PDB file of N, CA and C in Angstrom:
ATOM      1  N   MET A   1     -39.831  82.982-134.476  1.00  0.00           N
ATOM      2  CA  MET A   1     -40.562  84.000-135.226  1.00  0.00           C
ATOM      3  C   MET A   1     -39.661  85.121-135.553  1.00  0.00           C
ATOM      4  N   ARG A   2     -39.710  85.566-136.778  1.00  0.00           N
ATOM      5  CA  ARG A   2     -38.866  86.620-137.169  1.00  0.00           C
ATOM      6  C   ARG A   2     -39.465  87.946-136.791  1.00  0.00           C
ATOM      7  N   LEU A   3     -38.753  88.997-136.826  1.00  0.00           N
ATOM      8  CA  LEU A   3     -39.125  90.315-136.463  1.00  0.00           C
ATOM      9  C   LEU A   3     -40.259  90.813-137.350  1.00  0.00           C
ATOM     10  N   SER A   4     -40.187  90.527-138.630  1.00  0.00           N
ATOM     11  CA  SER A   4     -41.152  90.940-139.549  1.00  0.00           C
ATOM     12  C   SER A   4     -42.559  90.286-139.283  1.00  0.00           C
ATOM     13  N   GLU A   5     -42.480  88.998-138.902  1.00  0.00           N
ATOM     14  CA  GLU A   5     -43.707  88.262-138.607  1.00  0.00           C
ATOM     15  C   GLU A   5     -44.307  88.762-137.301  1.00  0.00           C
ATOM     16  N   LEU A   6     -43.509  89.061-136.388  1.00  0.00           N
ATOM     17  CA  LEU A   6     -43.961  89.600-135.080  1.00  0.00           C
ATOM     18  C   LEU A   6     -44.600  91.000-135.302  1.00  0.00           C
ATOM     19  N   ASN A   7     -43.983  91.802-136.116  1.00  0.00           N
ATOM     20  CA  ASN A   7     -44.497  93.125-136.490  1.00  0.00           C
ATOM     21  C   ASN A   7     -45.804  92.974-137.183  1.00  0.00           C
ATOM     22  N   ASP A   8     -45.959  91.965-138.097  1.00  0.00           N
ATOM     23  CA  ASP A   8     -47.291  91.713-138.718  1.00  0.00           C
ATOM     24  C   ASP A   8     -48.384  91.375-137.680  1.00  0.00           C
ATOM     25  N   VAL A   9     -48.063  90.419-136.759  1.00  0.00           N
ATOM     26  CA  VAL A   9     -48.965  90.007-135.764  1.00  0.00           C
ATOM     27  C   VAL A   9     -49.381  91.186-134.889  1.00  0.00           C
ATOM     28  N   LEU A  10     -48.421  91.923-134.497  1.00  0.00           N
ATOM     29  CA  LEU A  10     -48.749  93.120-133.617  1.00  0.00           C
ATOM     30  C   LEU A  10     -49.626  94.088-134.399  1.00  0.00           C
ATOM     31  N   GLY A  11     -49.344  94.318-135.648  1.00  0.00           N
ATOM     32  CA  GLY A  11     -50.207  95.220-136.502  1.00  0.00           C
ATOM     33  C   GLY A  11     -51.616  94.714-136.577  1.00  0.00           C
ATOM     34  N   GLU A  12     -51.787  93.376-136.789  1.00  0.00           N
ATOM     35  CA  GLU A  12     -53.152  92.821-136.801  1.00  0.00           C
ATOM     36  C   GLU A  12     -53.842  93.009-135.507  1.00  0.00           C
ATOM     37  N   LYS A  13     -53.107  92.737-134.389  1.00  0.00           N
ATOM     38  CA  LYS A  13     -53.777  92.868-133.042  1.00  0.00           C
ATOM     39  C   LYS A  13     -54.188  94.365-132.792  1.00  0.00           C
ATOM     40  N   LEU A  14     -53.275  95.300-133.246  1.00  0.00           N
ATOM     41  CA  LEU A  14     -53.555  96.700-133.084  1.00  0.00           C
ATOM     42  C   LEU A  14     -54.746  97.111-133.908  1.00  0.00           C
ATOM     43  N   SER A  15     -54.892  96.624-135.110  1.00  0.00           N
ATOM     44  CA  SER A  15     -56.084  96.878-135.981  1.00  0.00           C
ATOM     45  C   SER A  15     -57.343  96.314-135.291  1.00  0.00           C
ATOM     46  N   GLU A  16     -57.271  95.129-134.723  1.00  0.00           N
ATOM     47  CA  GLU A  16     -58.410  94.547-134.054  1.00  0.00           C
ATOM     48  C   GLU A  16     -58.814  95.410-132.875  1.00  0.00           C
ATOM     49  N   LEU A  17     -57.860  95.841-132.088  1.00  0.00           N
ATOM     50  CA  LEU A  17     -58.144  96.682-130.922  1.00  0.00           C
ATOM     51  C   LEU A  17     -58.743  98.045-131.268  1.00  0.00           C
ATOM     52  N   GLU A  18     -58.227  98.589-132.410  1.00  0.00           N
ATOM     53  CA  GLU A  18     -58.805  99.851-132.875  1.00  0.00           C
ATOM     54  C   GLU A  18     -60.267  99.688-133.326  1.00  0.00           C
ATOM     55  N   LYS A  19     -60.587  98.607-133.905  1.00  0.00           N
ATOM     56  CA  LYS A  19     -61.987  98.334-134.312  1.00  0.00           C
ATOM     57  C   LYS A  19     -62.882  98.149-133.085  1.00  0.00           C
ATOM     58  N   VAL A  20     -62.348  97.505-132.043  1.00  0.00           N
ATOM     59  CA  VAL A  20     -63.145  97.309-130.815  1.00  0.00           C
ATOM     60  C   VAL A  20     -63.346  98.650-130.120  1.00  0.00           C
ATOM     61  N   LEU A  21     -62.265  99.428-130.162  1.00  0.00           N
ATOM     62  CA  LEU A  21     -62.360 100.787-129.538  1.00  0.00           C
ATOM     63  C   LEU A  21     -63.341 101.640-130.242  1.00  0.00           C
ATOM     64  N   ILE A  22     -63.381 101.578-131.562  1.00  0.00           N
ATOM     65  CA  ILE A  22     -64.357 102.353-132.340  1.00  0.00           C
ATOM     66  C   ILE A  22     -65.779 101.933-132.035  1.00  0.00           C
ATOM     67  N   GLU A  23     -65.986 100.575-131.961  1.00  0.00           N
ATOM     68  CA  GLU A  23     -67.278 100.100-131.621  1.00  0.00           C
ATOM     69  C   GLU A  23     -67.711 100.488-130.211  1.00  0.00           C
ATOM     70  N   LYS A  24     -66.820 100.357-129.247  1.00  0.00           N
ATOM     71  CA  LYS A  24     -67.197 100.824-127.913  1.00  0.00           C
ATOM     72  C   LYS A  24     -67.495 102.319-127.780  1.00  0.00           C
ATOM     73  N   ASP A  25     -66.701 103.122-128.502  1.00  0.00           N
ATOM     74  CA  ASP A  25     -66.957 104.534-128.525  1.00  0.00           C
ATOM     75  C   ASP A  25     -68.270 104.813-129.134  1.00  0.00           C
ATOM     76  N   ASP A  26     -68.695 104.119-130.214  1.00  0.00           N
ATOM     77  CA  ASP A  26     -69.997 104.324-130.766  1.00  0.00           C
ATOM     78  C   ASP A  26     -71.113 103.914-129.763  1.00  0.00           C
ATOM     79  N   GLU A  27     -70.873 102.841-129.030  1.00  0.00           N
ATOM     80  CA  GLU A  27     -71.850 102.360-127.993  1.00  0.00           C
ATOM     81  C   GLU A  27     -71.988 103.458-126.905  1.00  0.00           C
ATOM     82  N   VAL A  28     -70.905 104.005-126.511  1.00  0.00           N
ATOM     83  CA  VAL A  28     -70.932 105.056-125.422  1.00  0.00           C
ATOM     84  C   VAL A  28     -71.647 106.297-125.946  1.00  0.00           C
ATOM     85  N   GLN A  29     -71.452 106.677-127.174  1.00  0.00           N
ATOM     86  CA  GLN A  29     -72.093 107.800-127.721  1.00  0.00           C
ATOM     87  C   GLN A  29     -73.588 107.537-127.825  1.00  0.00           C
ATOM     88  N   ALA A  30     -73.968 106.368-128.265  1.00  0.00           N
ATOM     89  CA  ALA A  30     -75.385 106.025-128.332  1.00  0.00           C
ATOM     90  C   ALA A  30     -76.035 106.020-126.972  1.00  0.00           C
ATOM     91  N   LEU A  31     -75.386 105.467-125.970  1.00  0.00           N
ATOM     92  CA  LEU A  31     -75.933 105.494-124.589  1.00  0.00           C
ATOM     93  C   LEU A  31     -76.012 106.882-124.131  1.00  0.00           C
ATOM     94  N   HIS A  32     -75.049 107.786-124.374  1.00  0.00           N
ATOM     95  CA  HIS A  32     -75.167 109.128-123.981  1.00  0.00           C
ATOM     96  C   HIS A  32     -76.391 109.833-124.588  1.00  0.00           C
ATOM     97  N   LYS A  33     -76.545 109.594-125.857  1.00  0.00           N
ATOM     98  CA  LYS A  33     -77.671 110.162-126.582  1.00  0.00           C
ATOM     99  C   LYS A  33     -79.017 109.730-125.938  1.00  0.00           C
ATOM    100  N   GLU A  34     -79.117 108.435-125.703  1.00  0.00           N
ATOM    101  CA  GLU A  34     -80.252 107.869-125.082  1.00  0.00           C
ATOM    102  C   GLU A  34     -80.495 108.465-123.681  1.00  0.00           C
ATOM    103  N   LEU A  35     -79.478 108.672-122.933  1.00  0.00           N
ATOM    104  CA  LEU A  35     -79.601 109.305-121.616  1.00  0.00           C
ATOM    105  C   LEU A  35     -80.139 110.708-121.786  1.00  0.00           C
ATOM    106  N   MET A  36     -79.589 111.508-122.729  1.00  0.00           N
ATOM    107  CA  MET A  36     -80.052 112.894-122.877  1.00  0.00           C
ATOM    108  C   MET A  36     -81.480 112.894-123.329  1.00  0.00           C
ATOM    109  N   ASP A  37     -81.900 111.982-124.145  1.00  0.00           N
ATOM    110  CA  ASP A  37     -83.315 111.885-124.591  1.00  0.00           C
ATOM    111  C   ASP A  37     -84.221 111.594-123.464  1.00  0.00           C
ATOM    112  N   LEU A  38     -83.805 110.655-122.646  1.00  0.00           N
ATOM    113  CA  LEU A  38     -84.575 110.349-121.397  1.00  0.00           C
ATOM    114  C   LEU A  38     -84.726 111.500-120.431  1.00  0.00           C
ATOM    115  N   ARG A  39     -83.642 112.307-120.343  1.00  0.00           N
ATOM    116  CA  ARG A  39     -83.715 113.450-119.428  1.00  0.00           C
ATOM    117  C   ARG A  39     -84.722 114.430-120.068  1.00  0.00           C
ATOM    118  N   LYS A  40     -84.661 114.611-121.318  1.00  0.00           N
ATOM    119  CA  LYS A  40     -85.639 115.542-121.972  1.00  0.00           C
ATOM    120  C   LYS A  40     -87.036 115.074-121.762  1.00  0.00           C
ATOM    121  N   GLN A  41     -87.254 113.771-121.833  1.00  0.00           N
ATOM    122  CA  GLN A  41     -88.594 113.240-121.579  1.00  0.00           C
ATOM    123  C   GLN A  41     -89.104 113.464-120.139  1.00  0.00           C
ATOM    124  N   CYS A  42     -88.093 113.272-119.184  1.00  0.00           N
ATOM    125  CA  CYS A  42     -88.491 113.433-117.839  1.00  0.00           C
ATOM    126  C   CYS A  42     -88.748 114.910-117.425  1.00  0.00           C
ATOM    127  N   PHE A  43     -87.938 115.764-117.901  1.00  0.00           N
ATOM    128  CA  PHE A  43     -88.088 117.172-117.540  1.00  0.00           C
ATOM    129  C   PHE A  43     -87.991 118.038-118.787  1.00  0.00           C
ATOM    130  N   SER A  44     -89.193 118.612-119.133  1.00  0.00           N
ATOM    131  CA  SER A  44     -89.230 119.539-120.237  1.00  0.00           C
ATOM    132  C   SER A  44     -88.617 120.888-119.667  1.00  0.00           C
ATOM    133  N   GLU A  45     -88.399 121.786-120.598  1.00  0.00           N
ATOM    134  CA  GLU A  45     -87.771 123.018-120.157  1.00  0.00           C
ATOM    135  C   GLU A  45     -88.734 123.739-119.129  1.00  0.00           C
ATOM    136  N   ASP A  46     -90.000 123.733-119.401  1.00  0.00           N
ATOM    137  CA  ASP A  46     -91.012 124.389-118.496  1.00  0.00           C
ATOM    138  C   ASP A  46     -90.961 123.700-117.139  1.00  0.00           C
ATOM    139  N   GLU A  47     -90.874 122.388-117.114  1.00  0.00           N
ATOM    140  CA  GLU A  47     -90.873 121.710-115.823  1.00  0.00           C
ATOM    141  C   GLU A  47     -89.546 122.084-115.079  1.00  0.00           C
ATOM    142  N   THR A  48     -88.463 122.147-115.776  1.00  0.00           N
ATOM    143  CA  THR A  48     -87.168 122.469-115.185  1.00  0.00           C
ATOM    144  C   THR A  48     -87.250 123.859-114.600  1.00  0.00           C
ATOM    145  N   ALA A  49     -87.790 124.760-115.418  1.00  0.00           N
ATOM    146  CA  ALA A  49     -87.903 126.198-114.969  1.00  0.00           C
ATOM    147  C   ALA A  49     -88.801 126.216-113.696  1.00  0.00           C
ATOM    148  N   ALA A  50     -89.837 125.479-113.699  1.00  0.00           N
ATOM    149  CA  ALA A  50     -90.789 125.466-112.613  1.00  0.00           C
ATOM    150  C   ALA A  50     -90.091 124.909-111.357  1.00  0.00           C
ATOM    151  N   LEU A  51     -89.311 123.812-111.529  1.00  0.00           N
ATOM    152  CA  LEU A  51     -88.557 123.252-110.416  1.00  0.00           C
ATOM    153  C   LEU A  51     -87.517 124.209-109.847  1.00  0.00           C
ATOM    154  N   GLU A  52     -86.895 124.959-110.763  1.00  0.00           N
ATOM    155  CA  GLU A  52     -85.899 125.945-110.262  1.00  0.00           C
ATOM    156  C   GLU A  52     -86.588 127.065-109.518  1.00  0.00           C
ATOM    157  N   GLU A  53     -87.767 127.525-109.994  1.00  0.00           N
ATOM    158  CA  GLU A  53     -88.564 128.502-109.330  1.00  0.00           C
ATOM    159  C   GLU A  53     -89.007 127.995-107.983  1.00  0.00           C
ATOM    160  N   LEU A  54     -89.425 126.826-107.824  1.00  0.00           N
ATOM    161  CA  LEU A  54     -89.856 126.229-106.540  1.00  0.00           C
ATOM    162  C   LEU A  54     -88.687 126.199-105.590  1.00  0.00           C
ATOM    163  N   ALA A  55     -87.507 125.877-106.090  1.00  0.00           N
ATOM    164  CA  ALA A  55     -86.263 125.843-105.260  1.00  0.00           C
ATOM    165  C   ALA A  55     -85.999 127.241-104.685  1.00  0.00           C
ATOM    166  N   ARG A  56     -86.098 128.263-105.552  1.00  0.00           N
ATOM    167  CA  ARG A  56     -85.922 129.636-105.130  1.00  0.00           C
ATOM    168  C   ARG A  56     -86.955 130.075-104.149  1.00  0.00           C
ATOM    169  N   ASP A  57     -88.191 129.740-104.386  1.00  0.00           N
ATOM    170  CA  ASP A  57     -89.293 129.984-103.494  1.00  0.00           C
ATOM    171  C   ASP A  57     -89.066 129.382-102.086  1.00  0.00           C
ATOM    172  N   ARG A  58     -88.628 128.116-102.103  1.00  0.00           N
ATOM    173  CA  ARG A  58     -88.337 127.402-100.883  1.00  0.00           C
ATOM    174  C   ARG A  58     -87.212 128.106-100.095  1.00  0.00           C
ATOM    175  N   GLU A  59     -86.178 128.466-100.802  1.00  0.00           N
ATOM    176  CA  GLU A  59     -85.040 129.267-100.160  1.00  0.00           C
ATOM    177  C   GLU A  59     -85.518 130.523 -99.548  1.00  0.00           C
ATOM    178  N   LEU A  60     -86.391 131.256-100.278  1.00  0.00           N
ATOM    179  CA  LEU A  60     -86.975 132.517 -99.793  1.00  0.00           C
ATOM    180  C   LEU A  60     -87.885 132.265 -98.597  1.00  0.00           C
ATOM    181  N   LEU A  61     -88.632 131.268 -98.619  1.00  0.00           N
ATOM    182  CA  LEU A  61     -89.527 130.937 -97.487  1.00  0.00           C
ATOM    183  C   LEU A  61     -88.686 130.627 -96.292  1.00  0.00           C
ATOM    184  N   SER A  62     -87.588 129.859 -96.483  1.00  0.00           N
ATOM    185  CA  SER A  62     -86.691 129.463 -95.427  1.00  0.00           C
ATOM    186  C   SER A  62     -86.117 130.726 -94.798  1.00  0.00           C
ATOM    187  N   LEU A  63     -85.683 131.624 -95.584  1.00  0.00           N
ATOM    188  CA  LEU A  63     -85.145 132.931 -95.036  1.00  0.00           C
ATOM    189  C   LEU A  63     -86.209 133.720 -94.284  1.00  0.00           C
ATOM    190  N   LYS A  64     -87.425 133.704 -94.757  1.00  0.00           N
ATOM    191  CA  LYS A  64     -88.530 134.450 -94.084  1.00  0.00           C
ATOM    192  C   LYS A  64     -88.810 133.752 -92.736  1.00  0.00           C
ATOM    193  N   LEU A  65     -88.839 132.446 -92.744  1.00  0.00           N
ATOM    194  CA  LEU A  65     -89.058 131.675 -91.435  1.00  0.00           C
ATOM    195  C   LEU A  65     -87.930 131.989 -90.468  1.00  0.00           C
ATOM    196  N   ASP A  66     -86.685 132.075 -90.936  1.00  0.00           N
ATOM    197  CA  ASP A  66     -85.600 132.411 -90.061  1.00  0.00           C
ATOM    198  C   ASP A  66     -85.792 133.819 -89.448  1.00  0.00           C
ATOM    199  N   GLN A  67     -86.333 134.727 -90.239  1.00  0.00           N
ATOM    200  CA  GLN A  67     -86.621 136.129 -89.781  1.00  0.00           C
ATOM    201  C   GLN A  67     -87.700 136.099 -88.802  1.00  0.00           C
ATOM    202  N   VAL A  68     -88.769 135.335 -89.054  1.00  0.00           N
ATOM    203  CA  VAL A  68     -89.857 135.188 -88.116  1.00  0.00           C
ATOM    204  C   VAL A  68     -89.352 134.638 -86.689  1.00  0.00           C
ATOM    205  N   ASP A  69     -88.468 133.654 -86.772  1.00  0.00           N
ATOM    206  CA  ASP A  69     -87.873 133.152 -85.561  1.00  0.00           C
ATOM    207  C   ASP A  69     -87.115 134.284 -84.769  1.00  0.00           C
ATOM    208  N   VAL A  70     -86.331 135.034 -85.508  1.00  0.00           N
ATOM    209  CA  VAL A  70     -85.588 136.139 -84.918  1.00  0.00           C
ATOM    210  C   VAL A  70     -86.570 137.121 -84.287  1.00  0.00           C
ATOM    211  N   ASN A  71     -87.594 137.565 -85.057  1.00  0.00           N
ATOM    212  CA  ASN A  71     -88.678 138.471 -84.540  1.00  0.00           C
ATOM    213  C   ASN A  71     -89.292 137.931 -83.325  1.00  0.00           C
ATOM    214  N   TYR A  72     -89.668 136.639 -83.358  1.00  0.00           N
ATOM    215  CA  TYR A  72     -90.318 135.997 -82.249  1.00  0.00           C
ATOM    216  C   TYR A  72     -89.468 136.125 -80.966  1.00  0.00           C
ATOM    217  N   GLU A  73     -88.230 135.812 -81.133  1.00  0.00           N
ATOM    218  CA  GLU A  73     -87.295 135.885 -79.988  1.00  0.00           C
ATOM    219  C   GLU A  73     -87.179 137.235 -79.428  1.00  0.00           C
ATOM    220  N   ALA A  74     -87.132 138.259 -80.352  1.00  0.00           N
ATOM    221  CA  ALA A  74     -87.077 139.688 -79.896  1.00  0.00           C
ATOM    222  C   ALA A  74     -88.276 140.063 -79.183  1.00  0.00           C
ATOM    223  N   VAL A  75     -89.501 139.645 -79.683  1.00  0.00           N
ATOM    224  CA  VAL A  75     -90.764 140.003 -79.099  1.00  0.00           C
ATOM    225  C   VAL A  75     -90.900 139.303 -77.685  1.00  0.00           C
ATOM    226  N   THR A  76     -90.411 138.099 -77.606  1.00  0.00           N
ATOM    227  CA  THR A  76     -90.486 137.354 -76.364  1.00  0.00           C
ATOM    228  C   THR A  76     -89.579 138.026 -75.292  1.00  0.00           C
ATOM    229  N   ARG A  77     -88.389 138.462 -75.687  1.00  0.00           N
ATOM    230  CA  ARG A  77     -87.523 139.240 -74.753  1.00  0.00           C
ATOM    231  C   ARG A  77     -88.157 140.523 -74.289  1.00  0.00           C
ATOM    232  N   GLU A  78     -88.763 141.246 -75.254  1.00  0.00           N
ATOM    233  CA  GLU A  78     -89.477 142.453 -74.907  1.00  0.00           C
ATOM    234  C   GLU A  78     -90.601 142.283 -74.033  1.00  0.00           C
ATOM    235  N   LYS A  79     -91.377 141.183 -74.290  1.00  0.00           N
ATOM    236  CA  LYS A  79     -92.566 140.891 -73.406  1.00  0.00           C
ATOM    237  C   LYS A  79     -92.008 140.532 -71.960  1.00  0.00           C
ATOM    238  N   GLU A  80     -90.949 139.728 -71.885  1.00  0.00           N
ATOM    239  CA  GLU A  80     -90.519 139.473 -70.604  1.00  0.00           C
ATOM    240  C   GLU A  80     -89.961 140.724 -69.819  1.00  0.00           C
ATOM    241  N   ALA A  81     -89.365 141.644 -70.582  1.00  0.00           N
ATOM    242  CA  ALA A  81     -88.939 142.896 -69.906  1.00  0.00           C
ATOM    243  C   ALA A  81     -90.097 143.704 -69.471  1.00  0.00           C
ATOM    244  N   LEU A  82     -91.141 143.757 -70.295  1.00  0.00           N
ATOM    245  CA  LEU A  82     -92.359 144.521 -69.916  1.00  0.00           C
ATOM    246  C   LEU A  82     -93.051 143.871 -68.704  1.00  0.00           C
ATOM    247  N   LEU A  83     -93.130 142.532 -68.658  1.00  0.00           N
ATOM    248  CA  LEU A  83     -93.639 141.864 -67.469  1.00  0.00           C
ATOM    249  C   LEU A  83     -92.894 142.214 -66.229  1.00  0.00           C
ATOM    250  N   GLU A  84     -91.561 142.272 -66.394  1.00  0.00           N
ATOM    251  CA  GLU A  84     -90.742 142.583 -65.227  1.00  0.00           C
ATOM    252  C   GLU A  84     -91.011 143.988 -64.748  1.00  0.00           C
ATOM    253  N   GLN A  85     -91.229 144.900 -65.733  1.00  0.00           N
ATOM    254  CA  GLN A  85     -91.558 146.289 -65.326  1.00  0.00           C
ATOM    255  C   GLN A  85     -92.868 146.351 -64.669  1.00  0.00           C
ATOM    256  N   VAL A  86     -93.897 145.628 -65.153  1.00  0.00           N
ATOM    257  CA  VAL A  86     -95.213 145.532 -64.520  1.00  0.00           C
ATOM    258  C   VAL A  86     -95.125 145.033 -63.114  1.00  0.00           C
ATOM    259  N   LYS A  87     -94.268 143.987 -62.871  1.00  0.00           N
ATOM    260  CA  LYS A  87     -94.108 143.489 -61.495  1.00  0.00           C
ATOM    261  C   LYS A  87     -93.479 144.586 -60.592  1.00  0.00           C
ATOM    262  N   GLU A  88     -92.506 145.283 -61.146  1.00  0.00           N
ATOM    263  CA  GLU A  88     -91.840 146.395 -60.386  1.00  0.00           C
ATOM    264  C   GLU A  88     -92.853 147.453 -60.060  1.00  0.00           C
ATOM    265  N   LEU A  89     -93.723 147.817 -61.066  1.00  0.00           N
ATOM    266  CA  LEU A  89     -94.727 148.835 -60.842  1.00  0.00           C
ATOM    267  C   LEU A  89     -95.765 148.371 -59.831  1.00  0.00           C
ATOM    268  N   GLU A  90     -96.172 147.134 -59.858  1.00  0.00           N
ATOM    269  CA  GLU A  90     -97.116 146.531 -58.891  1.00  0.00           C
ATOM    270  C   GLU A  90     -96.567 146.673 -57.523  1.00  0.00           C
ATOM    271  N   THR A  91     -95.250 146.250 -57.378  1.00  0.00           N
ATOM    272  CA  THR A  91     -94.574 146.321 -56.091  1.00  0.00           C
ATOM    273  C   THR A  91     -94.525 147.757 -55.550  1.00  0.00           C
ATOM    274  N   HIS A  92     -94.173 148.664 -56.405  1.00  0.00           N
ATOM    275  CA  HIS A  92     -94.156 150.125 -56.103  1.00  0.00           C
ATOM    276  C   HIS A  92     -95.579 150.618 -55.667  1.00  0.00           C
ATOM    277  N   LEU A  93     -96.580 150.245 -56.527  1.00  0.00           N
ATOM    278  CA  LEU A  93     -97.955 150.680 -56.211  1.00  0.00           C
ATOM    279  C   LEU A  93     -98.443 150.112 -54.877  1.00  0.00           C
ATOM    280  N   LEU A  94     -98.061 148.815 -54.610  1.00  0.00           N
ATOM    281  CA  LEU A  94     -98.491 148.222 -53.327  1.00  0.00           C
ATOM    282  C   LEU A  94     -97.798 148.984 -52.139  1.00  0.00           C
ATOM    283  N   PHE A  95     -96.515 149.358 -52.344  1.00  0.00           N
ATOM    284  CA  PHE A  95     -95.729 150.133 -51.330  1.00  0.00           C
ATOM    285  C   PHE A  95     -96.493 151.495 -51.119  1.00  0.00           C
ATOM    286  N   VAL A  96     -96.788 152.146 -52.210  1.00  0.00           N
ATOM    287  CA  VAL A  96     -97.441 153.509 -52.110  1.00  0.00           C
ATOM    288  C   VAL A  96     -98.791 153.396 -51.455  1.00  0.00           C
ATOM    289  N   LEU A  97     -99.576 152.391 -51.836  1.00  0.00           N
ATOM    290  CA  LEU A  97    -100.855 152.200 -51.182  1.00  0.00           C
ATOM    291  C   LEU A  97    -100.727 151.919 -49.713  1.00  0.00           C
ATOM    292  N   GLY A  98     -99.702 151.121 -49.414  1.00  0.00           N
ATOM    293  CA  GLY A  98     -99.393 150.778 -47.933  1.00  0.00           C
ATOM    294  C   GLY A  98     -99.021 152.037 -47.212  1.00  0.00           C
ATOM    295  N   GLU A  99     -98.244 152.981 -47.756  1.00  0.00           N
ATOM    296  CA  GLU A  99     -97.923 154.230 -47.172  1.00  0.00           C
ATOM    297  C   GLU A  99     -99.107 155.168 -47.007  1.00  0.00           C
ATOM    298  N   LEU A 100    -100.017 155.123 -48.004  1.00  0.00           N
ATOM    299  CA  LEU A 100    -101.213 155.958 -47.908  1.00  0.00           C
ATOM    300  C   LEU A 100    -102.125 155.440 -46.800  1.00  0.00           C
ATOM    301  N   GLU A 101    -102.183 154.224 -46.593  1.00  0.00           N
ATOM    302  CA  GLU A 101    -103.058 153.621 -45.541  1.00  0.00           C
ATOM    303  C   GLU A 101    -102.547 154.007 -44.141  1.00  0.00           C
ATOM    304  N   LYS A 102    -101.293 154.306 -44.013  1.00  0.00           N
ATOM    305  CA  LYS A 102    -100.702 154.568 -42.614  1.00  0.00           C
ATOM    306  C   LYS A 102    -101.158 155.883 -42.189  1.00  0.00           C
TER     307      LYS A 102
END
């Protein structure tokens, strides 16, 4: 095979590959458009906005629940400290009552 014949064959193959590439690119673009249309059907803008608002509300609720947990722990510690003070006062009161009875 001469160089010119080889060049012609390679040129033909290249042309065929370019055609296939163009066809595949068109297919990919069509599939992408179909995907975008399906997304629009699944989630309208209002639905998307509502989902985003729900996500923000959920995050806010989670933060509030965390704060409730922190507050609960603080109240529990304060209650325990007050109960300890009550016990100390009871002990002191019993001592004072015992001294008064003497």
